[in-house]
Amino acid sequence: VVPYDVPYRFEPFGDGRSNPEYDDLVKMVAENVFDAAVGDIAIVTNRTRMVDFSQPYAATGLVIVAPIGNTKSSAWVFLEPFSVEMWSVTAASFVMIAIVIWMLEHRVNDDFRGPVRRQIITMFMFSFSTLFKTNKETTVSPLGRLVMVVWLFLLMVITASYTASLTSILTIQRLSSPITGIESLITAICL
């Protein structure tokens, strides 16, 4: 707010029938056709390279009221965050890490030696237990430790993604609205 009056004149942009292209409006401000633009212009990277944006002056508080879709939860909802392909890739990753760690550790680490059955059990228990607890077995070889650091990072990303998706599925109620854009909003208002 400035302590003096600033004369201004609003000029509509667009033809009043279809949505205007905001990129064109931003270019017109950059080319000094307009001194400024007021509206719901999204601040995106390519536009910030042409013009400066101010912070929003006022929040309108406009909302759309939509009915809640009636969703029924299933006992198998915990499988929904990932697709079949993602579950397959995750399972294959556990198997691959089990094999890689065993290959790197079985020559230098007594925990990964013994009868074949014990080695197979140790391989897979080591790989899958990284999800839930610290492993009983430790990695000894430097390359094995490097692989574990990368694996634990990837596992953290996978776990965080799964948790976020499952939380979204369980807490956000699915809304259904016939309004998909400005044209359908105008049509709904005119009815």
Protein backbone atom coordinates (compact mmCIF):
# COMPACT_ATOMS: atom_id res chain seq x y z
CA VAL A 1 0.00 0.00 0.00
CA VAL A 2 1.37 3.35 -1.04
CA PRO A 3 0.45 6.63 0.71
CA TYR A 4 -0.80 8.27 -2.52
CA ASP A 5 -3.31 7.48 -5.25
CA VAL A 6 -2.08 5.60 -8.27
CA PRO A 7 -4.35 5.99 -11.27
CA TYR A 8 -5.19 2.74 -12.99
CA ARG A 9 -7.43 1.38 -15.68
CA PHE A 10 -8.45 -2.28 -15.93
CA GLU A 11 -8.46 -3.75 -19.42
CA PRO A 12 -10.02 -7.18 -19.95
CA PHE A 13 -7.86 -9.80 -21.57
CA GLY A 14 -9.38 -12.49 -23.79
CA ASP A 15 -12.51 -12.68 -25.88
CA GLY A 16 -14.94 -13.61 -23.08
CA ARG A 17 -15.82 -16.96 -24.66
CA SER A 18 -12.76 -19.14 -24.20
CA ASN A 19 -9.95 -19.32 -21.69
CA PRO A 20 -7.18 -16.84 -22.50
CA GLU A 21 -3.58 -17.99 -22.80
CA TYR A 22 -1.79 -16.74 -19.70
CA ASP A 23 1.59 -17.12 -21.38
CA ASP A 24 0.45 -14.53 -23.95
CA LEU A 25 -0.64 -12.16 -21.17
CA VAL A 26 2.71 -12.54 -19.39
CA LYS A 27 4.54 -11.84 -22.69
CA MET A 28 2.44 -8.70 -23.16
CA VAL A 29 3.49 -7.48 -19.70
CA ALA A 30 7.12 -8.27 -20.53
CA GLU A 31 6.80 -6.32 -23.82
CA ASN A 32 5.22 -3.31 -21.97
CA VAL A 33 1.87 -3.65 -23.75
CA PHE A 34 0.41 -3.80 -20.22
CA ASP A 35 2.05 -2.31 -17.13
CA ALA A 36 0.87 -5.18 -14.91
CA ALA A 37 -1.53 -8.08 -14.82
CA VAL A 38 -3.98 -8.99 -12.09
CA GLY A 39 -5.48 -12.44 -11.96
CA ASP A 40 -5.05 -16.08 -11.18
CA ILE A 41 -1.83 -16.45 -13.16
CA ALA A 42 0.16 -19.48 -12.08
CA ILE A 43 3.76 -18.73 -11.19
CA VAL A 44 5.83 -21.15 -13.25
CA THR A 45 9.50 -21.17 -14.18
CA ASN A 46 9.26 -19.98 -17.77
CA ARG A 47 7.03 -17.06 -16.74
CA THR A 48 9.36 -15.96 -13.91
CA ARG A 49 12.11 -15.61 -16.52
CA MET A 50 10.03 -12.92 -18.29
CA VAL A 51 8.38 -10.95 -15.45
CA ASP A 52 8.42 -10.50 -11.69
CA PHE A 53 5.52 -11.79 -9.62
CA SER A 54 4.19 -10.28 -6.40
CA GLN A 55 2.73 -12.26 -3.55
CA PRO A 56 -1.07 -12.75 -3.68
CA TYR A 57 -2.82 -9.64 -2.35
CA ALA A 58 -5.97 -11.33 -1.02
CA ALA A 59 -7.32 -14.84 -0.75
CA THR A 60 -10.81 -15.10 -2.18
CA GLY A 61 -11.80 -18.18 -0.24
CA LEU A 62 -13.67 -19.59 -3.23
CA VAL A 63 -14.32 -23.30 -2.98
CA ILE A 64 -16.17 -25.95 -4.91
CA VAL A 65 -18.55 -28.13 -2.92
CA ALA A 66 -18.59 -31.66 -4.28
CA PRO A 67 -20.29 -34.81 -3.06
CA ILE A 68 -18.14 -37.46 -1.45
CA GLY A 69 -17.84 -40.62 -3.47
CA ASN A 70 -18.91 -43.66 -1.52
CA THR A 71 -15.80 -45.82 -1.38
CA LYS A 72 -15.63 -49.14 0.37
CA SER A 73 -12.36 -50.19 1.89
CA SER A 74 -11.02 -53.64 1.36
CA ALA A 75 -8.90 -55.92 3.50
CA TRP A 76 -6.39 -55.82 0.62
CA VAL A 77 -6.11 -52.02 0.57
CA PHE A 78 -2.44 -52.30 1.60
CA LEU A 79 -1.66 -53.63 -1.90
CA GLU A 80 -3.19 -50.63 -3.71
CA PRO A 81 -0.36 -48.07 -3.38
CA PHE A 82 1.80 -49.96 -5.87
CA SER A 83 0.91 -51.45 -9.22
CA VAL A 84 1.63 -55.10 -10.00
CA GLU A 85 4.70 -53.97 -11.92
CA MET A 86 6.02 -51.97 -8.96
CA TRP A 87 5.47 -54.89 -6.58
CA SER A 88 7.33 -57.13 -9.06
CA VAL A 89 10.25 -54.70 -9.37
CA THR A 90 10.44 -54.35 -5.58
CA ALA A 91 10.48 -58.12 -5.06
CA ALA A 92 13.09 -58.52 -7.79
CA SER A 93 15.20 -55.82 -6.11
CA PHE A 94 15.15 -57.72 -2.81
CA VAL A 95 16.26 -60.90 -4.58
CA MET A 96 18.96 -59.06 -6.52
CA ILE A 97 20.34 -57.39 -3.38
CA ALA A 98 20.34 -60.75 -1.60
CA ILE A 99 22.41 -62.29 -4.39
CA VAL A 100 24.79 -59.32 -4.76
CA ILE A 101 25.48 -59.08 -1.01
CA TRP A 102 26.00 -62.84 -0.79
CA MET A 103 28.45 -62.71 -3.72
CA LEU A 104 30.40 -59.87 -2.10
CA GLU A 105 30.37 -61.28 1.44
CA HIS A 106 30.50 -65.10 1.33
CA ARG A 107 34.29 -65.26 0.80
CA VAL A 108 35.20 -62.85 3.61
CA ASN A 109 32.29 -63.08 6.06
CA ASP A 110 31.58 -66.15 8.18
CA ASP A 111 27.92 -65.15 8.54
CA PHE A 112 27.40 -65.88 4.84
CA ARG A 113 29.08 -69.30 4.86
CA GLY A 114 27.89 -72.79 5.70
CA PRO A 115 25.60 -75.33 4.09
CA VAL A 116 23.79 -74.23 0.93
CA ARG A 117 20.38 -74.14 2.67
CA ARG A 118 21.73 -71.90 5.45
CA GLN A 119 23.37 -69.58 2.91
CA ILE A 120 20.12 -69.21 0.94
CA ILE A 121 18.13 -68.50 4.11
CA THR A 122 20.77 -66.01 5.27
CA MET A 123 20.76 -64.25 1.88
CA PHE A 124 17.02 -63.67 1.82
CA MET A 125 16.62 -62.96 5.53
CA PHE A 126 19.41 -60.39 5.30
CA SER A 127 17.76 -58.70 2.31
CA PHE A 128 14.20 -58.65 3.68
CA SER A 129 15.16 -57.81 7.27
CA THR A 130 16.59 -54.49 6.12
CA LEU A 131 12.97 -53.33 5.95
CA PHE A 132 12.20 -53.92 9.61
CA LYS A 133 15.30 -54.07 11.77
CA THR A 134 19.04 -54.07 11.78
CA ASN A 135 20.53 -57.20 10.41
CA LYS A 136 22.09 -59.87 12.60
CA GLU A 137 24.77 -60.27 9.96
CA THR A 138 27.10 -57.38 9.18
CA THR A 139 28.75 -56.52 5.91
CA VAL A 140 32.52 -56.72 6.03
CA SER A 141 33.70 -55.90 2.52
CA PRO A 142 33.88 -52.22 1.52
CA LEU A 143 31.97 -52.91 -1.69
CA GLY A 144 29.28 -54.75 0.28
CA ARG A 145 28.92 -51.75 2.58
CA LEU A 146 28.66 -49.40 -0.42
CA VAL A 147 25.94 -51.58 -1.95
CA MET A 148 24.09 -51.57 1.40
CA VAL A 149 24.21 -47.77 1.62
CA VAL A 150 22.70 -47.45 -1.85
CA TRP A 151 20.14 -50.19 -1.08
CA LEU A 152 19.09 -48.57 2.21
CA PHE A 153 18.63 -45.23 0.45
CA LEU A 154 16.49 -46.83 -2.26
CA LEU A 155 14.57 -48.74 0.38
CA MET A 156 13.90 -45.48 2.23
CA VAL A 157 12.50 -43.92 -0.97
CA ILE A 158 10.33 -46.97 -1.71
CA THR A 159 9.04 -47.08 1.88
CA ALA A 160 8.27 -43.34 1.94
CA SER A 161 6.46 -43.57 -1.39
CA TYR A 162 4.42 -46.56 -0.23
CA THR A 163 3.54 -44.88 3.08
CA ALA A 164 2.48 -41.64 1.40
CA SER A 165 0.33 -43.45 -1.16
CA LEU A 166 -1.33 -45.67 1.45
CA THR A 167 -2.00 -42.68 3.72
CA SER A 168 -3.57 -40.84 0.81
CA ILE A 169 -5.77 -43.81 -0.04
CA LEU A 170 -6.92 -44.26 3.55
CA THR A 171 -7.44 -40.62 4.56
CA ILE A 172 -8.40 -38.57 1.54
CA GLN A 173 -11.97 -39.18 0.61
CA ARG A 174 -12.50 -39.29 -3.12
CA LEU A 175 -14.46 -36.31 -4.33
CA SER A 176 -16.46 -36.31 -7.51
CA SER A 177 -17.37 -33.08 -9.23
CA PRO A 178 -18.88 -32.40 -12.64
CA ILE A 179 -16.82 -29.19 -12.78
CA THR A 180 -13.61 -29.77 -14.73
CA GLY A 181 -12.76 -26.25 -15.87
CA ILE A 182 -14.03 -22.72 -16.35
CA GLU A 183 -16.38 -23.71 -19.18
CA SER A 184 -18.18 -26.36 -17.11
CA LEU A 185 -18.34 -23.93 -14.14
CA ILE A 186 -20.02 -21.30 -16.30
CA THR A 187 -22.43 -23.93 -17.66
CA ALA A 188 -23.26 -25.08 -14.11
CA ILE A 189 -23.89 -21.50 -12.95
CA CYS A 190 -26.12 -20.69 -15.93
CA LEU A 191 -28.36 -23.73 -15.34
